[in-house]
Amino acid sequence: MKKEKKVDEKKKNSEQKDSKSLNAKQNKQLKWAVILMVLGLAIVICIPLIYNNFIKQFDYNSMKFQKTNVGSIRFYSTEIPLVNSQKQIYSTYLANFREDPRKLDYIKVDLNEANEITFVKEKPVYISLDDNLPKCPDNLIAVVDLASVLTEFGGFNINGALNNKTAANETHVAYVNCENSPNNTVIMIKYANETSITKVSENCYELECKECEINKVTEKFSLTILDRYMEFFEFKKTAWWDIF
């Protein structure tokens, strides 16, 4: 009887140990399940948050950009505050770019020693095209978008022109270049071996593009204008037209 009692006690103790071990194992598994569930929930919440606030948004120079998709086309958009003569923000200008501004840093911008872009106020601004530009899908879009920025943001009257007298006469378009129109702001778009922007005189700019980089160089020019404005705005909080 004593022997059987001892066996029963050993069996009972063993079962209790097994039960405690099982409970401890189950508690550990439950603990890890809760941790994994919390981590999974955090990932579900954080990924869209990070994507929307850090990946889709970024700072470039003095501007904040947001990536947006319209159908299959991606735009890089920024809002520019507009200030009136009383130094009050009365509206914003929404600028949309097809190129990632960060990927246009390779384009050399030479604005001479003054390092500024100036326009002749209250006179037409000419966008004059060279006749040797390659025929690229973005040619028309690039010119229209540049004209849109200068019209909607700058408030300028934009006219198209050609830098070839014969072609201009044949198509009844103005023949304009830096030499024959010194009293107007002239933006020359030319074909070259390197994409760059150069201020060649007080109110004349050459936008040179290689191959089909016309949209890249025109957007870089627009970005440079907006960046100069934002620097001026942050410094003086003054009316937008004062930068010109």
C-alpha atoms as a PDB file:
ATOM      1  CA  MET A   1       0.000   0.000   0.000  1.00  0.00           C
ATOM      2  CA  LYS A   2       2.787   2.397   0.908  1.00  0.00           C
ATOM      3  CA  LYS A   3       4.489   1.558  -2.343  1.00  0.00           C
ATOM      4  CA  GLU A   4       1.346   2.273  -4.345  1.00  0.00           C
ATOM      5  CA  LYS A   5       0.841   5.550  -2.459  1.00  0.00           C
ATOM      6  CA  LYS A   6       4.374   6.671  -3.294  1.00  0.00           C
ATOM      7  CA  VAL A   7       3.807   5.802  -6.951  1.00  0.00           C
ATOM      8  CA  ASP A   8       0.576   7.811  -6.987  1.00  0.00           C
ATOM      9  CA  GLU A   9       2.302  10.793  -5.383  1.00  0.00           C
ATOM     10  CA  LYS A  10       5.133  10.661  -7.931  1.00  0.00           C
ATOM     11  CA  LYS A  11       2.609  10.419 -10.730  1.00  0.00           C
ATOM     12  CA  LYS A  12       0.646  13.342  -9.302  1.00  0.00           C
ATOM     13  CA  ASN A  13       3.804  15.460  -8.916  1.00  0.00           C
ATOM     14  CA  SER A  14       4.847  14.609 -12.447  1.00  0.00           C
ATOM     15  CA  GLU A  15       1.414  15.568 -13.794  1.00  0.00           C
ATOM     16  CA  GLN A  16       1.551  18.852 -11.876  1.00  0.00           C
ATOM     17  CA  LYS A  17       5.000  19.606 -13.305  1.00  0.00           C
ATOM     18  CA  ASP A  18       3.782  18.750 -16.799  1.00  0.00           C
ATOM     19  CA  SER A  19       0.750  20.955 -16.291  1.00  0.00           C
ATOM     20  CA  LYS A  20       2.870  23.888 -15.105  1.00  0.00           C
ATOM     21  CA  SER A  21       5.265  23.408 -18.000  1.00  0.00           C
ATOM     22  CA  LEU A  22       2.367  23.312 -20.456  1.00  0.00           C
ATOM     23  CA  ASN A  23       0.813  26.429 -18.923  1.00  0.00           C
ATOM     24  CA  ALA A  24       4.150  28.239 -19.078  1.00  0.00           C
ATOM     25  CA  LYS A  25       4.575  27.192 -22.688  1.00  0.00           C
ATOM     26  CA  GLN A  26       1.039  28.315 -23.575  1.00  0.00           C
ATOM     27  CA  ASN A  27       1.561  31.649 -21.799  1.00  0.00           C
ATOM     28  CA  LYS A  28       4.789  32.170 -23.714  1.00  0.00           C
ATOM     29  CA  GLN A  29       3.069  31.346 -26.998  1.00  0.00           C
ATOM     30  CA  LEU A  30       0.194  33.681 -26.129  1.00  0.00           C
ATOM     31  CA  LYS A  31       2.664  36.428 -25.248  1.00  0.00           C
ATOM     32  CA  TRP A  32       4.442  36.080 -28.602  1.00  0.00           C
ATOM     33  CA  ALA A  33       1.103  35.956 -30.422  1.00  0.00           C
ATOM     34  CA  VAL A  34       0.087  39.246 -28.807  1.00  0.00           C
ATOM     35  CA  ILE A  35       3.490  40.816 -29.641  1.00  0.00           C
ATOM     36  CA  LEU A  36       3.236  39.689 -33.273  1.00  0.00           C
ATOM     37  CA  MET A  37      -0.343  40.946 -33.488  1.00  0.00           C
ATOM     38  CA  VAL A  38       0.686  44.358 -32.119  1.00  0.00           C
ATOM     39  CA  LEU A  39       3.653  44.501 -34.522  1.00  0.00           C
ATOM     40  CA  GLY A  40       1.419  43.552 -37.436  1.00  0.00           C
ATOM     41  CA  LEU A  41      -1.085  46.254 -36.491  1.00  0.00           C
ATOM     42  CA  ALA A  42       1.731  48.802 -36.144  1.00  0.00           C
ATOM     43  CA  ILE A  43       3.040  47.896 -39.604  1.00  0.00           C
ATOM     44  CA  VAL A  44      -0.444  48.221 -41.131  1.00  0.00           C
ATOM     45  CA  ILE A  45      -0.834  51.675 -39.561  1.00  0.00           C
ATOM     46  CA  CYS A  46       2.724  52.945 -40.032  1.00  0.00           C
ATOM     47  CA  ILE A  47       3.383  51.944 -43.648  1.00  0.00           C
ATOM     48  CA  PRO A  48       0.659  54.202 -45.128  1.00  0.00           C
ATOM     49  CA  LEU A  49       1.652  56.941 -42.667  1.00  0.00           C
ATOM     50  CA  ILE A  50       5.318  56.760 -43.661  1.00  0.00           C
ATOM     51  CA  TYR A  51       4.446  56.459 -47.347  1.00  0.00           C
ATOM     52  CA  ASN A  52       2.114  59.456 -47.302  1.00  0.00           C
ATOM     53  CA  ASN A  53       4.258  61.704 -45.137  1.00  0.00           C
ATOM     54  CA  PHE A  54       7.809  60.771 -46.054  1.00  0.00           C
ATOM     55  CA  ILE A  55       7.901  58.840 -49.315  1.00  0.00           C
ATOM     56  CA  LYS A  56       5.158  60.733 -51.158  1.00  0.00           C
ATOM     57  CA  GLN A  57       6.306  64.048 -49.690  1.00  0.00           C
ATOM     58  CA  PHE A  58       9.754  65.571 -49.783  1.00  0.00           C
ATOM     59  CA  ASP A  59      11.547  68.886 -49.455  1.00  0.00           C
ATOM     60  CA  TYR A  60      13.517  70.337 -52.319  1.00  0.00           C
ATOM     61  CA  ASN A  61      15.444  73.541 -51.663  1.00  0.00           C
ATOM     62  CA  SER A  62      12.873  75.964 -50.259  1.00  0.00           C
ATOM     63  CA  MET A  63       9.809  74.050 -51.494  1.00  0.00           C
ATOM     64  CA  LYS A  64       7.743  71.104 -50.277  1.00  0.00           C
ATOM     65  CA  PHE A  65       6.607  68.592 -52.889  1.00  0.00           C
ATOM     66  CA  GLN A  66       3.887  65.980 -52.999  1.00  0.00           C
ATOM     67  CA  LYS A  67       3.798  63.062 -55.432  1.00  0.00           C
ATOM     68  CA  THR A  68       0.407  62.623 -57.072  1.00  0.00           C
ATOM     69  CA  ASN A  69      -0.779  60.302 -59.819  1.00  0.00           C
ATOM     70  CA  VAL A  70      -3.318  61.284 -62.446  1.00  0.00           C
ATOM     71  CA  GLY A  71      -4.011  58.073 -64.301  1.00  0.00           C
ATOM     72  CA  SER A  72      -0.642  56.741 -65.422  1.00  0.00           C
ATOM     73  CA  ILE A  73       1.060  60.149 -65.165  1.00  0.00           C
ATOM     74  CA  ARG A  74       2.963  61.086 -62.014  1.00  0.00           C
ATOM     75  CA  PHE A  75       3.179  64.725 -61.014  1.00  0.00           C
ATOM     76  CA  TYR A  76       5.368  66.464 -58.466  1.00  0.00           C
ATOM     77  CA  SER A  77       3.298  69.287 -57.001  1.00  0.00           C
ATOM     78  CA  THR A  78       4.117  72.215 -54.759  1.00  0.00           C
ATOM     79  CA  GLU A  79       2.052  75.095 -53.406  1.00  0.00           C
ATOM     80  CA  ILE A  80       3.581  78.557 -53.549  1.00  0.00           C
ATOM     81  CA  PRO A  81       2.119  81.283 -51.279  1.00  0.00           C
ATOM     82  CA  LEU A  82       1.115  84.500 -53.022  1.00  0.00           C
ATOM     83  CA  VAL A  83       1.494  87.736 -51.090  1.00  0.00           C
ATOM     84  CA  ASN A  84      -0.114  91.099 -51.832  1.00  0.00           C
ATOM     85  CA  SER A  85       1.389  94.550 -51.379  1.00  0.00           C
ATOM     86  CA  GLN A  86       0.183  94.561 -47.739  1.00  0.00           C
ATOM     87  CA  LYS A  87       2.414  91.511 -47.112  1.00  0.00           C
ATOM     88  CA  GLN A  88      -0.598  89.251 -46.621  1.00  0.00           C
ATOM     89  CA  ILE A  89      -0.933  85.780 -48.146  1.00  0.00           C
ATOM     90  CA  TYR A  90      -4.075  85.970 -50.247  1.00  0.00           C
ATOM     91  CA  SER A  91      -3.803  82.744 -52.256  1.00  0.00           C
ATOM     92  CA  THR A  92      -1.499  79.949 -53.376  1.00  0.00           C
ATOM     93  CA  TYR A  93      -0.169  78.895 -56.741  1.00  0.00           C
ATOM     94  CA  LEU A  94      -0.145  75.156 -57.407  1.00  0.00           C
ATOM     95  CA  ALA A  95       2.772  74.166 -59.614  1.00  0.00           C
ATOM     96  CA  ASN A  96       2.789  70.692 -61.171  1.00  0.00           C
ATOM     97  CA  PHE A  97       5.927  69.144 -62.633  1.00  0.00           C
ATOM     98  CA  ARG A  98       6.373  65.944 -64.598  1.00  0.00           C
ATOM     99  CA  GLU A  99      10.021  65.577 -63.619  1.00  0.00           C
ATOM    100  CA  ASP A 100      11.290  64.777 -60.130  1.00  0.00           C
ATOM    101  CA  PRO A 101      12.998  68.066 -59.133  1.00  0.00           C
ATOM    102  CA  ARG A 102      15.754  66.156 -57.326  1.00  0.00           C
ATOM    103  CA  LYS A 103      16.753  64.448 -60.572  1.00  0.00           C
ATOM    104  CA  LEU A 104      17.270  67.765 -62.367  1.00  0.00           C
ATOM    105  CA  ASP A 105      20.211  68.877 -60.233  1.00  0.00           C
ATOM    106  CA  TYR A 106      22.628  67.787 -62.950  1.00  0.00           C
ATOM    107  CA  ILE A 107      21.453  70.687 -65.117  1.00  0.00           C
ATOM    108  CA  LYS A 108      23.896  73.559 -64.824  1.00  0.00           C
ATOM    109  CA  VAL A 109      22.306  76.934 -64.070  1.00  0.00           C
ATOM    110  CA  ASP A 110      24.484  79.995 -64.712  1.00  0.00           C
ATOM    111  CA  LEU A 111      22.761  83.259 -63.813  1.00  0.00           C
ATOM    112  CA  ASN A 112      25.928  85.365 -63.839  1.00  0.00           C
ATOM    113  CA  GLU A 113      27.282  87.146 -60.782  1.00  0.00           C
ATOM    114  CA  ALA A 114      23.928  88.571 -59.654  1.00  0.00           C
ATOM    115  CA  ASN A 115      22.549  85.009 -59.546  1.00  0.00           C
ATOM    116  CA  GLU A 116      18.999  86.163 -60.162  1.00  0.00           C
ATOM    117  CA  ILE A 117      16.282  85.949 -62.789  1.00  0.00           C
ATOM    118  CA  THR A 118      14.865  89.281 -63.945  1.00  0.00           C
ATOM    119  CA  PHE A 119      11.948  90.057 -66.234  1.00  0.00           C
ATOM    120  CA  VAL A 120      10.946  93.248 -68.003  1.00  0.00           C
ATOM    121  CA  LYS A 121       7.626  94.137 -66.415  1.00  0.00           C
ATOM    122  CA  GLU A 122       4.583  95.103 -68.466  1.00  0.00           C
ATOM    123  CA  LYS A 123       6.156  93.897 -71.713  1.00  0.00           C
ATOM    124  CA  PRO A 124       5.597  90.611 -73.561  1.00  0.00           C
ATOM    125  CA  VAL A 125       7.885  87.713 -72.703  1.00  0.00           C
ATOM    126  CA  TYR A 126       9.035  85.743 -75.751  1.00  0.00           C
ATOM    127  CA  ILE A 127       9.702  82.018 -75.774  1.00  0.00           C
ATOM    128  CA  SER A 128      11.802  81.663 -78.918  1.00  0.00           C
ATOM    129  CA  LEU A 129      12.571  78.250 -80.405  1.00  0.00           C
ATOM    130  CA  ASP A 130      15.591  77.299 -82.471  1.00  0.00           C
ATOM    131  CA  ASP A 131      14.793  75.650 -85.774  1.00  0.00           C
ATOM    132  CA  ASN A 132      17.207  72.766 -85.099  1.00  0.00           C
ATOM    133  CA  LEU A 133      15.369  71.365 -82.084  1.00  0.00           C
ATOM    134  CA  PRO A 134      14.808  67.606 -82.454  1.00  0.00           C
ATOM    135  CA  LYS A 135      11.199  66.559 -82.922  1.00  0.00           C
ATOM    136  CA  CYS A 136      10.311  65.045 -79.537  1.00  0.00           C
ATOM    137  CA  PRO A 137       6.957  64.126 -77.951  1.00  0.00           C
ATOM    138  CA  ASP A 138       7.527  66.569 -75.060  1.00  0.00           C
ATOM    139  CA  ASN A 139       8.308  69.658 -77.156  1.00  0.00           C
ATOM    140  CA  LEU A 140       4.810  71.136 -77.151  1.00  0.00           C
ATOM    141  CA  ILE A 141       4.079  70.110 -73.539  1.00  0.00           C
ATOM    142  CA  ALA A 142       7.327  71.680 -72.341  1.00  0.00           C
ATOM    143  CA  VAL A 143       6.647  75.035 -74.026  1.00  0.00           C
ATOM    144  CA  VAL A 144       2.990  75.123 -72.929  1.00  0.00           C
ATOM    145  CA  ASP A 145       3.871  74.274 -69.310  1.00  0.00           C
ATOM    146  CA  LEU A 146       6.600  76.924 -69.179  1.00  0.00           C
ATOM    147  CA  ALA A 147       4.207  79.498 -70.627  1.00  0.00           C
ATOM    148  CA  SER A 148       1.609  78.444 -68.054  1.00  0.00           C
ATOM    149  CA  VAL A 149       3.980  79.050 -65.119  1.00  0.00           C
ATOM    150  CA  LEU A 150       5.004  82.454 -66.475  1.00  0.00           C
ATOM    151  CA  THR A 151       1.373  83.417 -67.140  1.00  0.00           C
ATOM    152  CA  GLU A 152      -0.373  82.021 -64.051  1.00  0.00           C
ATOM    153  CA  PHE A 153       2.373  82.653 -61.504  1.00  0.00           C
ATOM    154  CA  GLY A 154       4.281  85.575 -63.040  1.00  0.00           C
ATOM    155  CA  GLY A 155       1.299  87.278 -64.641  1.00  0.00           C
ATOM    156  CA  PHE A 156       3.221  87.890 -67.878  1.00  0.00           C
ATOM    157  CA  ASN A 157       1.967  88.093 -71.429  1.00  0.00           C
ATOM    158  CA  ILE A 158       3.693  85.218 -73.243  1.00  0.00           C
ATOM    159  CA  ASN A 159       4.312  85.198 -77.000  1.00  0.00           C
ATOM    160  CA  GLY A 160       5.801  82.445 -79.109  1.00  0.00           C
ATOM    161  CA  ALA A 161       8.662  83.162 -81.498  1.00  0.00           C
ATOM    162  CA  LEU A 162      11.325  81.585 -83.699  1.00  0.00           C
ATOM    163  CA  ASN A 163      15.055  82.224 -83.859  1.00  0.00           C
ATOM    164  CA  ASN A 164      15.152  81.775 -87.618  1.00  0.00           C
ATOM    165  CA  LYS A 165      14.144  84.691 -89.791  1.00  0.00           C
ATOM    166  CA  THR A 166      13.214  82.637 -92.844  1.00  0.00           C
ATOM    167  CA  ALA A 167      11.105  80.156 -90.862  1.00  0.00           C
ATOM    168  CA  ALA A 168       9.495  83.010 -88.918  1.00  0.00           C
ATOM    169  CA  ASN A 169       8.497  84.809 -92.131  1.00  0.00           C
ATOM    170  CA  GLU A 170       7.144  81.628 -93.688  1.00  0.00           C
ATOM    171  CA  THR A 171       5.017  80.781 -90.643  1.00  0.00           C
ATOM    172  CA  HIS A 172       4.099  84.390 -89.789  1.00  0.00           C
ATOM    173  CA  VAL A 173       5.622  84.034 -86.317  1.00  0.00           C
ATOM    174  CA  ALA A 174       7.734  86.708 -84.634  1.00  0.00           C
ATOM    175  CA  TYR A 175      11.458  86.512 -85.262  1.00  0.00           C
ATOM    176  CA  VAL A 176      13.024  87.065 -81.819  1.00  0.00           C
ATOM    177  CA  ASN A 177      16.410  86.536 -80.218  1.00  0.00           C
ATOM    178  CA  CYS A 178      18.518  88.190 -77.522  1.00  0.00           C
ATOM    179  CA  GLU A 179      20.080  90.656 -79.966  1.00  0.00           C
ATOM    180  CA  ASN A 180      17.024  92.031 -81.759  1.00  0.00           C
ATOM    181  CA  SER A 181      14.733  92.267 -78.695  1.00  0.00           C
ATOM    182  CA  PRO A 182      16.839  93.698 -75.836  1.00  0.00           C
ATOM    183  CA  ASN A 183      13.858  95.522 -74.305  1.00  0.00           C
ATOM    184  CA  ASN A 184      11.858  92.327 -73.781  1.00  0.00           C
ATOM    185  CA  THR A 185      12.473  89.251 -71.718  1.00  0.00           C
ATOM    186  CA  VAL A 186      13.524  86.508 -74.129  1.00  0.00           C
ATOM    187  CA  ILE A 187      13.780  82.805 -73.319  1.00  0.00           C
ATOM    188  CA  MET A 188      15.693  81.012 -76.051  1.00  0.00           C
ATOM    189  CA  ILE A 189      15.281  77.233 -76.306  1.00  0.00           C
ATOM    190  CA  LYS A 190      18.121  75.648 -78.245  1.00  0.00           C
ATOM    191  CA  TYR A 191      19.546  72.252 -79.097  1.00  0.00           C
ATOM    192  CA  ALA A 192      23.027  71.560 -77.658  1.00  0.00           C
ATOM    193  CA  ASN A 193      25.369  68.782 -76.538  1.00  0.00           C
ATOM    194  CA  GLU A 194      24.681  69.561 -72.892  1.00  0.00           C
ATOM    195  CA  THR A 195      21.500  70.550 -71.057  1.00  0.00           C
ATOM    196  CA  SER A 196      21.991  73.870 -69.268  1.00  0.00           C
ATOM    197  CA  ILE A 197      20.514  77.277 -68.438  1.00  0.00           C
ATOM    198  CA  THR A 198      22.495  80.462 -69.023  1.00  0.00           C
ATOM    199  CA  LYS A 199      21.678  84.120 -68.474  1.00  0.00           C
ATOM    200  CA  VAL A 200      23.260  85.720 -71.538  1.00  0.00           C
ATOM    201  CA  SER A 201      22.138  89.301 -70.883  1.00  0.00           C
ATOM    202  CA  GLU A 202      20.023  91.301 -68.434  1.00  0.00           C
ATOM    203  CA  ASN A 203      16.697  89.847 -69.584  1.00  0.00           C
ATOM    204  CA  CYS A 204      17.679  87.038 -71.905  1.00  0.00           C
ATOM    205  CA  TYR A 205      18.100  83.358 -71.088  1.00  0.00           C
ATOM    206  CA  GLU A 206      19.286  80.404 -73.106  1.00  0.00           C
ATOM    207  CA  LEU A 207      17.795  77.034 -72.259  1.00  0.00           C
ATOM    208  CA  GLU A 208      19.927  74.470 -74.044  1.00  0.00           C
ATOM    209  CA  CYS A 209      18.881  70.843 -74.186  1.00  0.00           C
ATOM    210  CA  LYS A 210      20.475  67.732 -75.563  1.00  0.00           C
ATOM    211  CA  GLU A 211      18.450  65.057 -77.324  1.00  0.00           C
ATOM    212  CA  CYS A 212      14.860  65.197 -75.995  1.00  0.00           C
ATOM    213  CA  GLU A 213      15.507  66.914 -72.655  1.00  0.00           C
ATOM    214  CA  ILE A 214      13.434  69.985 -73.456  1.00  0.00           C
ATOM    215  CA  ASN A 215      10.921  69.269 -70.684  1.00  0.00           C
ATOM    216  CA  LYS A 216      13.735  68.776 -68.184  1.00  0.00           C
ATOM    217  CA  VAL A 217      15.356  72.129 -68.973  1.00  0.00           C
ATOM    218  CA  THR A 218      12.097  74.125 -69.070  1.00  0.00           C
ATOM    219  CA  GLU A 219      10.984  72.631 -65.752  1.00  0.00           C
ATOM    220  CA  LYS A 220      14.392  73.359 -64.244  1.00  0.00           C
ATOM    221  CA  PHE A 221      13.974  76.979 -65.339  1.00  0.00           C
ATOM    222  CA  SER A 222      10.516  77.149 -63.748  1.00  0.00           C
ATOM    223  CA  LEU A 223      11.842  75.523 -60.561  1.00  0.00           C
ATOM    224  CA  THR A 224      14.658  78.068 -60.418  1.00  0.00           C
ATOM    225  CA  ILE A 225      12.144  80.921 -60.668  1.00  0.00           C
ATOM    226  CA  LEU A 226       9.957  79.457 -57.913  1.00  0.00           C
ATOM    227  CA  ASP A 227      12.937  78.694 -55.705  1.00  0.00           C
ATOM    228  CA  ARG A 228      14.240  82.266 -56.022  1.00  0.00           C
ATOM    229  CA  TYR A 229      10.758  83.521 -55.178  1.00  0.00           C
ATOM    230  CA  MET A 230      10.497  81.309 -52.072  1.00  0.00           C
ATOM    231  CA  GLU A 231      13.901  82.479 -50.859  1.00  0.00           C
ATOM    232  CA  PHE A 232      12.773  86.072 -51.359  1.00  0.00           C
ATOM    233  CA  PHE A 233       9.424  85.361 -49.712  1.00  0.00           C
ATOM    234  CA  GLU A 234      10.989  83.780 -46.626  1.00  0.00           C
ATOM    235  CA  PHE A 235      13.401  86.680 -46.297  1.00  0.00           C
ATOM    236  CA  LYS A 236      11.074  89.628 -46.929  1.00  0.00           C
ATOM    237  CA  LYS A 237       7.516  88.236 -46.969  1.00  0.00           C
ATOM    238  CA  THR A 238       6.774  90.644 -49.785  1.00  0.00           C
ATOM    239  CA  ALA A 239       4.674  90.704 -52.941  1.00  0.00           C
ATOM    240  CA  TRP A 240       5.571  88.103 -55.577  1.00  0.00           C
ATOM    241  CA  TRP A 241       6.030  90.623 -58.355  1.00  0.00           C
ATOM    242  CA  ASP A 242       8.849  92.343 -56.456  1.00  0.00           C
ATOM    243  CA  ILE A 243      11.245  89.533 -57.322  1.00  0.00           C
ATOM    244  CA  PHE A 244      11.014  90.493 -60.984  1.00  0.00           C
END
